[in-house]
């Protein structure tokens, strides 16, 4: 092979390789998201806003509330009639099922709220919960209409959560939709 042929060959290989590399570039790949927190596995979802870890610790999602799944004292105090409690428990089951599909058996990142209590009166960790891709589960539950803002104890993300809740209601997402005729109850 002559020098001229070798040069043409090398330039061709270089151009081909460059074009190949540029065509493989994927602009839709997002930046690596770094979230400082504790990586854990979700052992079991208890209800729409509480879950359990393999070591027995329980985690309560910060800033959100979901309908009660169990006929407990809180439910009895808030809803006098057994019929109303049954409706709320049905909504709680739907919310819990949604959260179970999203996180049970998966790894998530637990992040505490700065300058906020670490645990609630039941000993549950109070946390924001992120998927490894950066999705904030607390916000996603509200955005998709399976929970609402927990106004009793505001957190730094309360305003963001309120905005998501307004959008969910306006668009009849999740529990804000007409699920088996429950719309008239709310």
N, C-alpha and C. Protein backbone atom coordinates (compact mmCIF):
# COMPACT_ATOMS: atom_id res chain seq x y z
N UNK A 1 0.85 -1.17 0.00
CA UNK A 1 0.00 0.00 0.00
C UNK A 1 0.90 1.23 0.00
N UNK A 2 0.60 2.15 -0.90
CA UNK A 2 1.41 3.37 -1.01
C UNK A 2 1.09 4.33 0.13
N UNK A 3 1.97 5.29 0.30
CA UNK A 3 1.76 6.30 1.35
C UNK A 3 0.46 7.06 1.14
N UNK A 4 0.17 7.38 -0.12
CA UNK A 4 -1.06 8.10 -0.44
C UNK A 4 -2.28 7.26 -0.06
N UNK A 5 -2.26 5.99 -0.39
CA UNK A 5 -3.37 5.10 -0.06
C UNK A 5 -3.52 4.95 1.45
N UNK A 6 -2.41 4.87 2.14
CA UNK A 6 -2.43 4.75 3.60
C UNK A 6 -3.04 5.99 4.24
N UNK A 7 -2.68 7.17 3.72
CA UNK A 7 -3.24 8.41 4.25
C UNK A 7 -4.75 8.46 4.03
N UNK A 8 -5.17 8.11 2.84
CA UNK A 8 -6.61 8.10 2.53
C UNK A 8 -7.34 7.11 3.43
N UNK A 9 -6.75 5.95 3.61
CA UNK A 9 -7.34 4.94 4.49
C UNK A 9 -7.47 5.47 5.92
N UNK A 10 -6.42 6.08 6.45
CA UNK A 10 -6.44 6.59 7.84
C UNK A 10 -7.47 7.70 8.00
N UNK A 11 -7.54 8.62 7.04
CA UNK A 11 -8.52 9.71 7.10
C UNK A 11 -9.94 9.14 7.04
N UNK A 12 -10.15 8.15 6.17
CA UNK A 12 -11.46 7.52 6.06
C UNK A 12 -11.86 6.85 7.36
N UNK A 13 -10.94 6.11 7.97
CA UNK A 13 -11.22 5.45 9.25
C UNK A 13 -11.53 6.49 10.32
N UNK A 14 -10.75 7.57 10.36
CA UNK A 14 -10.97 8.62 11.34
C UNK A 14 -12.36 9.25 11.17
N UNK A 15 -12.71 9.61 9.93
CA UNK A 15 -14.02 10.21 9.67
C UNK A 15 -15.15 9.25 10.00
N UNK A 16 -15.00 8.01 9.61
CA UNK A 16 -16.02 7.01 9.88
C UNK A 16 -16.21 6.85 11.39
N UNK A 17 -15.12 6.75 12.13
CA UNK A 17 -15.19 6.59 13.59
C UNK A 17 -15.84 7.81 14.23
N UNK A 18 -15.47 9.00 13.77
CA UNK A 18 -16.05 10.23 14.31
C UNK A 18 -17.55 10.27 14.06
N UNK A 19 -17.97 9.97 12.84
CA UNK A 19 -19.39 9.95 12.52
C UNK A 19 -20.14 8.90 13.33
N UNK A 20 -19.52 7.76 13.50
CA UNK A 20 -20.14 6.69 14.29
C UNK A 20 -20.33 7.13 15.74
N UNK A 21 -19.32 7.73 16.31
CA UNK A 21 -19.41 8.20 17.70
C UNK A 21 -20.45 9.30 17.85
N UNK A 22 -20.51 10.22 16.90
CA UNK A 22 -21.50 11.29 16.97
C UNK A 22 -22.91 10.76 16.82
N UNK A 23 -23.09 9.75 16.00
CA UNK A 23 -24.43 9.19 15.81
C UNK A 23 -24.90 8.41 17.03
N UNK A 24 -23.96 7.93 17.83
CA UNK A 24 -24.32 7.18 19.04
C UNK A 24 -24.63 8.09 20.21
N UNK A 25 -24.31 9.36 20.08
CA UNK A 25 -24.56 10.31 21.16
C UNK A 25 -26.05 10.43 21.39
N UNK A 26 -26.46 10.38 22.64
CA UNK A 26 -27.89 10.44 22.96
C UNK A 26 -28.14 11.65 23.84
N UNK A 27 -28.74 12.68 23.26
CA UNK A 27 -29.00 13.90 24.03
C UNK A 27 -30.10 13.70 25.06
N UNK A 28 -30.88 12.63 24.95
CA UNK A 28 -31.96 12.41 25.90
C UNK A 28 -31.47 11.80 27.21
N UNK A 29 -30.22 11.38 27.23
CA UNK A 29 -29.69 10.85 28.48
C UNK A 29 -29.46 12.01 29.43
N UNK A 30 -30.13 11.98 30.56
CA UNK A 30 -29.99 13.09 31.50
C UNK A 30 -28.70 12.97 32.28
N UNK A 31 -28.35 14.07 32.91
CA UNK A 31 -27.15 14.07 33.73
C UNK A 31 -27.33 13.08 34.87
N UNK A 32 -26.22 12.60 35.36
CA UNK A 32 -26.27 11.74 36.53
C UNK A 32 -26.74 12.59 37.70
N UNK A 33 -27.75 12.13 38.38
CA UNK A 33 -28.32 12.89 39.49
C UNK A 33 -27.71 12.40 40.78
N UNK A 34 -27.18 13.33 41.54
CA UNK A 34 -26.58 12.98 42.82
C UNK A 34 -27.51 13.47 43.92
N UNK A 35 -28.01 12.53 44.69
CA UNK A 35 -28.88 12.84 45.81
C UNK A 35 -28.22 12.31 47.06
N UNK A 36 -27.94 13.21 47.99
CA UNK A 36 -27.33 12.78 49.25
C UNK A 36 -28.42 12.26 50.17
N UNK A 37 -28.28 11.02 50.55
CA UNK A 37 -29.25 10.40 51.44
C UNK A 37 -28.88 8.95 51.67
N UNK A 38 -29.79 8.23 52.28
CA UNK A 38 -29.57 6.82 52.61
C UNK A 38 -30.27 5.94 51.58
N UNK A 39 -29.49 5.11 50.88
CA UNK A 39 -30.06 4.18 49.91
C UNK A 39 -30.61 2.98 50.67
N UNK A 40 -31.89 2.67 50.44
CA UNK A 40 -32.53 1.56 51.14
C UNK A 40 -33.41 0.78 50.17
N UNK A 41 -33.77 -0.42 50.58
CA UNK A 41 -34.71 -1.25 49.84
C UNK A 41 -36.06 -1.16 50.53
N UNK A 42 -37.12 -1.00 49.75
CA UNK A 42 -38.47 -0.97 50.33
C UNK A 42 -38.93 -2.41 50.50
N UNK A 43 -39.09 -2.82 51.73
CA UNK A 43 -39.53 -4.18 52.04
C UNK A 43 -41.02 -4.34 51.78
N UNK A 44 -41.81 -3.37 52.32
CA UNK A 44 -43.27 -3.52 52.25
C UNK A 44 -43.92 -2.15 52.36
N UNK A 45 -44.90 -1.90 51.50
CA UNK A 45 -45.70 -0.69 51.59
C UNK A 45 -46.85 -0.98 52.55
N UNK A 46 -46.98 -0.16 53.58
CA UNK A 46 -48.04 -0.35 54.57
C UNK A 46 -49.31 0.33 54.11
N UNK A 47 -49.18 1.58 53.70
CA UNK A 47 -50.30 2.31 53.09
C UNK A 47 -49.70 3.35 52.15
N UNK A 48 -50.50 4.28 51.67
CA UNK A 48 -50.03 5.20 50.65
C UNK A 48 -48.92 6.15 51.05
N UNK A 49 -48.71 6.35 52.35
CA UNK A 49 -47.66 7.28 52.77
C UNK A 49 -46.69 6.69 53.79
N UNK A 50 -46.76 5.38 54.01
CA UNK A 50 -45.89 4.72 55.00
C UNK A 50 -45.41 3.39 54.45
N UNK A 51 -44.13 3.09 54.69
CA UNK A 51 -43.60 1.79 54.27
C UNK A 51 -42.56 1.31 55.27
N UNK A 52 -42.18 0.05 55.09
CA UNK A 52 -41.24 -0.59 56.01
C UNK A 52 -39.98 -1.02 55.28
N UNK A 53 -38.86 -0.91 55.98
CA UNK A 53 -37.56 -1.32 55.45
C UNK A 53 -37.21 -2.71 55.97
N UNK A 54 -36.26 -3.41 55.34
CA UNK A 54 -35.89 -4.76 55.79
C UNK A 54 -35.44 -4.83 57.25
N UNK A 55 -34.88 -3.74 57.77
CA UNK A 55 -34.42 -3.75 59.17
C UNK A 55 -35.54 -3.44 60.16
N UNK A 56 -36.77 -3.30 59.68
CA UNK A 56 -37.91 -3.06 60.55
C UNK A 56 -38.28 -1.60 60.74
N UNK A 57 -37.40 -0.69 60.32
CA UNK A 57 -37.73 0.72 60.45
C UNK A 57 -38.90 1.06 59.52
N UNK A 58 -39.72 2.00 59.98
CA UNK A 58 -40.83 2.47 59.16
C UNK A 58 -40.56 3.91 58.74
N UNK A 59 -41.00 4.24 57.54
CA UNK A 59 -40.77 5.56 56.97
C UNK A 59 -42.11 6.18 56.61
N UNK A 60 -42.30 7.45 57.00
CA UNK A 60 -43.50 8.22 56.66
C UNK A 60 -43.07 9.30 55.68
N UNK A 61 -43.74 9.36 54.54
CA UNK A 61 -43.42 10.35 53.52
C UNK A 61 -43.72 11.76 54.02
N UNK A 62 -42.77 12.65 53.89
CA UNK A 62 -42.92 14.04 54.33
C UNK A 62 -43.84 14.83 53.40
N UNK A 63 -44.68 15.66 54.01
CA UNK A 63 -45.43 16.65 53.26
C UNK A 63 -46.65 16.17 52.53
N UNK A 64 -46.96 14.89 52.63
CA UNK A 64 -48.15 14.38 51.93
C UNK A 64 -49.00 13.55 52.88
N UNK A 65 -50.25 13.37 52.49
CA UNK A 65 -51.16 12.51 53.22
C UNK A 65 -51.97 11.73 52.19
N UNK A 66 -52.24 10.49 52.50
CA UNK A 66 -53.08 9.67 51.63
C UNK A 66 -54.25 9.16 52.45
N UNK A 67 -55.33 8.77 51.80
CA UNK A 67 -56.49 8.28 52.56
C UNK A 67 -56.12 7.06 53.40
N UNK A 68 -56.78 6.95 54.54
CA UNK A 68 -56.53 5.83 55.44
C UNK A 68 -56.97 4.52 54.79
N UNK A 69 -56.14 3.52 54.93
CA UNK A 69 -56.43 2.20 54.36
C UNK A 69 -57.09 1.29 55.40
N UNK A 70 -56.82 1.59 56.67
CA UNK A 70 -57.31 0.73 57.75
C UNK A 70 -58.34 1.48 58.60
N UNK A 71 -59.25 0.74 59.18
CA UNK A 71 -60.30 1.32 60.03
C UNK A 71 -59.71 1.57 61.41
N UNK A 72 -58.95 2.66 61.53
CA UNK A 72 -58.26 2.98 62.78
C UNK A 72 -58.96 4.12 63.52
N UNK A 73 -58.38 4.52 64.65
CA UNK A 73 -58.97 5.60 65.46
C UNK A 73 -59.04 6.92 64.70
N UNK A 74 -58.01 7.23 63.94
CA UNK A 74 -58.02 8.47 63.17
C UNK A 74 -59.22 8.51 62.23
N UNK A 75 -59.44 7.42 61.55
CA UNK A 75 -60.56 7.34 60.62
C UNK A 75 -61.89 7.44 61.36
N UNK A 76 -62.01 6.77 62.48
CA UNK A 76 -63.25 6.82 63.27
C UNK A 76 -63.51 8.23 63.79
N UNK A 77 -62.46 8.96 64.15
CA UNK A 77 -62.63 10.32 64.64
C UNK A 77 -63.01 11.30 63.54
N UNK A 78 -62.54 11.07 62.33
CA UNK A 78 -62.80 11.99 61.23
C UNK A 78 -64.11 11.71 60.50
N UNK A 79 -64.55 10.45 60.50
CA UNK A 79 -65.75 10.07 59.75
C UNK A 79 -66.66 9.25 60.64
N UNK A 80 -67.79 9.84 60.99
CA UNK A 80 -68.70 9.19 61.93
C UNK A 80 -69.37 7.96 61.34
N UNK A 81 -69.80 8.04 60.10
CA UNK A 81 -70.59 6.93 59.56
C UNK A 81 -69.71 5.81 59.03
N UNK A 82 -70.12 4.57 59.27
CA UNK A 82 -69.37 3.43 58.73
C UNK A 82 -69.29 3.45 57.20
N UNK A 83 -70.33 3.98 56.55
CA UNK A 83 -70.32 4.05 55.09
C UNK A 83 -69.22 4.98 54.59
N UNK A 84 -69.09 6.14 55.25
CA UNK A 84 -68.03 7.08 54.88
C UNK A 84 -66.65 6.45 55.08
N UNK A 85 -66.49 5.74 56.18
CA UNK A 85 -65.21 5.09 56.45
C UNK A 85 -64.88 4.05 55.39
N UNK A 86 -65.87 3.32 54.93
CA UNK A 86 -65.64 2.33 53.88
C UNK A 86 -65.17 2.99 52.58
N UNK A 87 -65.77 4.13 52.25
CA UNK A 87 -65.36 4.86 51.05
C UNK A 87 -63.91 5.32 51.18
N UNK A 88 -63.57 5.90 52.32
CA UNK A 88 -62.20 6.37 52.54
C UNK A 88 -61.22 5.20 52.49
N UNK A 89 -61.58 4.08 53.08
CA UNK A 89 -60.70 2.91 53.06
C UNK A 89 -60.51 2.38 51.63
N UNK A 90 -61.54 2.49 50.80
CA UNK A 90 -61.41 2.09 49.39
C UNK A 90 -60.41 3.01 48.68
N UNK A 91 -60.53 4.32 48.93
CA UNK A 91 -59.58 5.27 48.36
C UNK A 91 -58.17 4.99 48.88
N UNK A 92 -58.07 4.66 50.17
CA UNK A 92 -56.78 4.32 50.76
C UNK A 92 -56.16 3.10 50.12
N UNK A 93 -56.98 2.13 49.80
CA UNK A 93 -56.49 0.91 49.13
C UNK A 93 -55.96 1.25 47.73
N UNK A 94 -56.69 2.10 47.01
CA UNK A 94 -56.24 2.50 45.67
C UNK A 94 -54.91 3.25 45.74
N UNK A 95 -54.79 4.15 46.70
CA UNK A 95 -53.55 4.90 46.88
C UNK A 95 -52.40 3.97 47.24
N UNK A 96 -52.66 3.07 48.16
CA UNK A 96 -51.64 2.11 48.60
C UNK A 96 -51.19 1.22 47.44
N UNK A 97 -52.13 0.76 46.63
CA UNK A 97 -51.78 -0.07 45.47
C UNK A 97 -50.89 0.70 44.49
N UNK A 98 -51.22 1.96 44.28
CA UNK A 98 -50.41 2.80 43.38
C UNK A 98 -48.97 2.91 43.89
N UNK A 99 -48.82 3.20 45.18
CA UNK A 99 -47.48 3.36 45.76
C UNK A 99 -46.74 2.02 45.77
N UNK A 100 -47.45 0.93 46.04
CA UNK A 100 -46.83 -0.40 46.03
C UNK A 100 -46.22 -0.69 44.66
N UNK A 101 -46.97 -0.44 43.61
CA UNK A 101 -46.46 -0.68 42.26
C UNK A 101 -45.24 0.18 41.96
N UNK A 102 -45.20 1.37 42.53
CA UNK A 102 -44.11 2.29 42.23
C UNK A 102 -42.82 1.95 42.99
N UNK A 103 -42.91 1.53 44.27
CA UNK A 103 -41.68 1.42 45.05
C UNK A 103 -41.42 0.10 45.77
N UNK A 104 -42.42 -0.73 45.98
CA UNK A 104 -42.17 -1.94 46.77
C UNK A 104 -41.15 -2.85 46.09
N UNK A 105 -40.17 -3.29 46.86
CA UNK A 105 -39.11 -4.15 46.34
C UNK A 105 -38.03 -3.40 45.59
N UNK A 106 -38.10 -2.08 45.59
CA UNK A 106 -37.12 -1.28 44.86
C UNK A 106 -36.22 -0.51 45.82
N UNK A 107 -35.07 -0.11 45.29
CA UNK A 107 -34.18 0.74 46.07
C UNK A 107 -34.58 2.19 45.88
N UNK A 108 -34.55 2.93 46.97
CA UNK A 108 -34.86 4.35 46.96
C UNK A 108 -33.84 5.08 47.83
N UNK A 109 -33.87 6.39 47.76
CA UNK A 109 -32.97 7.21 48.57
C UNK A 109 -33.82 8.01 49.55
N UNK A 110 -33.53 7.87 50.83
CA UNK A 110 -34.24 8.60 51.88
C UNK A 110 -33.48 9.88 52.20
N UNK A 111 -34.20 11.00 52.20
CA UNK A 111 -33.57 12.29 52.49
C UNK A 111 -34.40 13.01 53.56
N UNK A 112 -33.76 13.37 54.68
CA UNK A 112 -34.49 14.10 55.72
C UNK A 112 -34.69 15.57 55.33
N UNK A 113 -35.67 16.19 55.94
CA UNK A 113 -35.90 17.63 55.79
C UNK A 113 -34.96 18.35 56.74
N UNK A 114 -34.29 19.38 56.26
CA UNK A 114 -33.40 20.15 57.14
C UNK A 114 -34.23 20.87 58.19
N UNK A 115 -33.70 20.94 59.41
CA UNK A 115 -34.34 21.64 60.52
C UNK A 115 -35.76 21.16 60.77
N UNK A 116 -35.94 19.86 60.74
CA UNK A 116 -37.26 19.25 60.94
C UNK A 116 -37.08 18.02 61.81
N UNK A 117 -38.14 17.60 62.45
CA UNK A 117 -38.07 16.40 63.28
C UNK A 117 -37.61 15.21 62.44
N UNK A 118 -36.81 14.34 63.04
CA UNK A 118 -36.31 13.16 62.34
C UNK A 118 -37.37 12.05 62.30
N UNK A 119 -38.16 11.96 63.37
CA UNK A 119 -39.20 10.93 63.46
C UNK A 119 -40.50 11.56 63.96
N UNK A 120 -41.60 10.85 63.71
CA UNK A 120 -42.89 11.31 64.23
C UNK A 120 -43.19 10.63 65.57
N UNK A 121 -44.36 10.88 66.11
CA UNK A 121 -44.69 10.33 67.44
C UNK A 121 -44.81 8.81 67.45
N UNK A 122 -44.88 8.20 66.28
CA UNK A 122 -44.94 6.73 66.19
C UNK A 122 -43.56 6.12 65.94
N UNK A 123 -42.53 6.95 65.90
CA UNK A 123 -41.18 6.46 65.67
C UNK A 123 -40.82 6.25 64.21
N UNK A 124 -41.69 6.67 63.31
CA UNK A 124 -41.41 6.52 61.88
C UNK A 124 -40.45 7.62 61.42
N UNK A 125 -39.51 7.25 60.56
CA UNK A 125 -38.62 8.24 59.96
C UNK A 125 -39.44 9.15 59.05
N UNK A 126 -39.23 10.44 59.12
CA UNK A 126 -39.91 11.39 58.25
C UNK A 126 -38.94 11.75 57.13
N UNK A 127 -39.30 11.39 55.89
CA UNK A 127 -38.33 11.52 54.80
C UNK A 127 -38.99 11.90 53.46
N UNK A 128 -38.17 12.57 52.65
CA UNK A 128 -38.44 12.66 51.22
C UNK A 128 -37.86 11.37 50.65
N UNK A 129 -38.51 10.83 49.64
CA UNK A 129 -38.06 9.57 49.07
C UNK A 129 -37.88 9.75 47.56
N UNK A 130 -36.67 9.44 47.11
CA UNK A 130 -36.32 9.59 45.70
C UNK A 130 -36.03 8.24 45.07
N UNK A 131 -36.44 8.07 43.82
CA UNK A 131 -35.96 6.95 43.02
C UNK A 131 -34.55 7.30 42.57
N UNK A 132 -33.74 6.31 42.21
CA UNK A 132 -32.37 6.61 41.76
C UNK A 132 -32.31 7.56 40.56
N UNK A 133 -33.38 7.64 39.76
CA UNK A 133 -33.37 8.55 38.61
C UNK A 133 -33.69 10.00 38.99
N UNK A 134 -33.92 10.25 40.29
CA UNK A 134 -34.19 11.60 40.76
C UNK A 134 -35.66 11.92 40.97
N UNK A 135 -36.56 11.01 40.63
CA UNK A 135 -37.99 11.23 40.83
C UNK A 135 -38.28 11.31 42.33
N UNK A 136 -38.93 12.39 42.75
CA UNK A 136 -39.34 12.55 44.15
C UNK A 136 -40.69 11.88 44.32
N UNK A 137 -40.71 10.77 45.03
CA UNK A 137 -41.93 9.98 45.21
C UNK A 137 -43.03 10.79 45.87
N UNK A 138 -42.69 11.57 46.90
CA UNK A 138 -43.68 12.39 47.60
C UNK A 138 -44.45 13.25 46.60
N UNK A 139 -43.72 13.92 45.70
CA UNK A 139 -44.34 14.78 44.70
C UNK A 139 -45.11 13.97 43.67
N UNK A 140 -44.57 12.85 43.25
CA UNK A 140 -45.20 12.02 42.21
C UNK A 140 -46.57 11.52 42.66
N UNK A 141 -46.68 11.14 43.93
CA UNK A 141 -47.96 10.66 44.46
C UNK A 141 -49.01 11.76 44.37
N UNK A 142 -48.64 12.99 44.73
CA UNK A 142 -49.58 14.12 44.64
C UNK A 142 -49.87 14.45 43.18
N UNK A 143 -48.83 14.50 42.37
CA UNK A 143 -48.98 14.85 40.95
C UNK A 143 -49.94 13.89 40.23
N UNK A 144 -49.86 12.61 40.57
CA UNK A 144 -50.71 11.61 39.93
C UNK A 144 -52.06 11.45 40.61
N UNK A 145 -52.31 12.24 41.66
CA UNK A 145 -53.63 12.27 42.29
C UNK A 145 -53.90 11.18 43.30
N UNK A 146 -52.86 10.59 43.88
CA UNK A 146 -53.08 9.52 44.86
C UNK A 146 -52.75 9.95 46.28
N UNK A 147 -52.58 11.24 46.48
CA UNK A 147 -52.34 11.80 47.81
C UNK A 147 -52.56 13.29 47.73
N UNK A 148 -52.51 13.94 48.89
CA UNK A 148 -52.69 15.38 48.93
C UNK A 148 -51.66 15.99 49.87
N UNK A 149 -51.56 17.30 49.83
CA UNK A 149 -50.61 18.02 50.67
C UNK A 149 -51.03 17.85 52.13
N UNK A 150 -50.05 17.55 52.97
CA UNK A 150 -50.30 17.42 54.41
C UNK A 150 -50.07 18.80 55.02
N UNK A 151 -51.13 19.57 55.14
CA UNK A 151 -51.05 20.96 55.56
C UNK A 151 -50.75 21.13 57.05
N UNK A 152 -51.02 20.10 57.84
CA UNK A 152 -50.86 20.22 59.30
C UNK A 152 -49.41 20.51 59.69
N UNK A 153 -48.46 19.91 58.97
CA UNK A 153 -47.04 20.10 59.26
C UNK A 153 -46.32 20.50 57.98
N UNK A 154 -46.32 21.79 57.63
CA UNK A 154 -45.69 22.23 56.39
C UNK A 154 -44.19 21.92 56.36
N UNK A 155 -43.70 21.66 55.16
CA UNK A 155 -42.28 21.39 54.92
C UNK A 155 -41.79 22.34 53.82
N UNK A 156 -40.53 22.30 53.51
CA UNK A 156 -39.97 23.22 52.51
C UNK A 156 -40.58 23.05 51.12
N UNK A 157 -41.12 21.88 50.83
CA UNK A 157 -41.68 21.62 49.51
C UNK A 157 -43.21 21.76 49.48
N UNK A 158 -43.81 22.29 50.55
CA UNK A 158 -45.27 22.40 50.61
C UNK A 158 -45.84 23.18 49.44
N UNK A 159 -45.26 24.32 49.09
CA UNK A 159 -45.79 25.11 47.97
C UNK A 159 -45.71 24.35 46.65
N UNK A 160 -44.61 23.66 46.43
CA UNK A 160 -44.47 22.83 45.23
C UNK A 160 -45.56 21.75 45.21
N UNK A 161 -45.78 21.13 46.36
CA UNK A 161 -46.80 20.08 46.45
C UNK A 161 -48.20 20.65 46.22
N UNK A 162 -48.47 21.86 46.74
CA UNK A 162 -49.78 22.49 46.52
C UNK A 162 -50.04 22.68 45.03
N UNK A 163 -49.04 23.15 44.32
CA UNK A 163 -49.18 23.37 42.88
C UNK A 163 -49.49 22.06 42.15
N UNK A 164 -48.80 21.00 42.53
CA UNK A 164 -49.06 19.69 41.92
C UNK A 164 -50.46 19.20 42.24
N UNK A 165 -50.93 19.47 43.45
CA UNK A 165 -52.27 19.04 43.85
C UNK A 165 -53.34 19.77 43.04
N UNK A 166 -53.16 21.07 42.84
CA UNK A 166 -54.11 21.83 42.03
C UNK A 166 -54.20 21.24 40.63
N UNK A 167 -53.05 20.93 40.04
CA UNK A 167 -53.03 20.34 38.69
C UNK A 167 -53.72 18.98 38.67
N UNK A 168 -53.46 18.17 39.69
CA UNK A 168 -54.08 16.83 39.75
C UNK A 168 -55.60 16.95 39.84
N UNK A 169 -56.07 17.87 40.67
CA UNK A 169 -57.53 18.06 40.81
C UNK A 169 -58.14 18.58 39.51
N UNK A 170 -57.51 19.60 38.94
CA UNK A 170 -58.04 20.19 37.70
C UNK A 170 -58.09 19.18 36.56
N UNK A 171 -57.17 18.24 36.56
CA UNK A 171 -57.10 17.24 35.49
C UNK A 171 -57.72 15.90 35.88
N UNK A 172 -58.40 15.87 37.03
CA UNK A 172 -59.10 14.66 37.51
C UNK A 172 -58.20 13.43 37.52
N UNK A 173 -56.97 13.62 37.99
CA UNK A 173 -56.03 12.50 38.05
C UNK A 173 -56.25 11.67 39.31
N UNK A 174 -56.00 10.38 39.18
CA UNK A 174 -56.03 9.47 40.32
C UNK A 174 -57.33 9.53 41.10
N UNK A 175 -57.21 9.77 42.40
CA UNK A 175 -58.39 9.79 43.27
C UNK A 175 -59.28 11.00 43.04
N UNK A 176 -58.81 11.99 42.30
CA UNK A 176 -59.62 13.16 41.98
C UNK A 176 -60.55 12.86 40.81
N UNK A 177 -60.35 11.73 40.16
CA UNK A 177 -61.23 11.33 39.06
C UNK A 177 -62.48 10.65 39.61
N UNK A 178 -63.34 10.24 38.73
CA UNK A 178 -64.58 9.57 39.14
C UNK A 178 -64.32 8.07 39.21
N UNK A 179 -63.75 7.65 40.32
CA UNK A 179 -63.44 6.24 40.52
C UNK A 179 -64.65 5.55 41.12
N UNK A 180 -65.27 4.71 40.32
CA UNK A 180 -66.43 3.94 40.76
C UNK A 180 -67.45 4.80 41.49
N UNK A 181 -67.74 5.99 40.95
CA UNK A 181 -68.78 6.83 41.52
C UNK A 181 -68.40 7.54 42.81
N UNK A 182 -67.12 7.58 43.16
CA UNK A 182 -66.72 8.20 44.42
C UNK A 182 -66.54 9.71 44.31
N UNK A 183 -66.63 10.26 43.12
CA UNK A 183 -66.38 11.69 42.94
C UNK A 183 -67.32 12.54 43.80
N UNK A 184 -68.57 12.15 43.90
CA UNK A 184 -69.53 12.93 44.67
C UNK A 184 -69.24 12.92 46.16
N UNK A 185 -68.48 11.95 46.62
CA UNK A 185 -68.17 11.87 48.05
C UNK A 185 -67.22 12.98 48.48
N UNK A 186 -66.25 13.32 47.61
CA UNK A 186 -65.21 14.28 48.00
C UNK A 186 -65.71 15.68 47.98
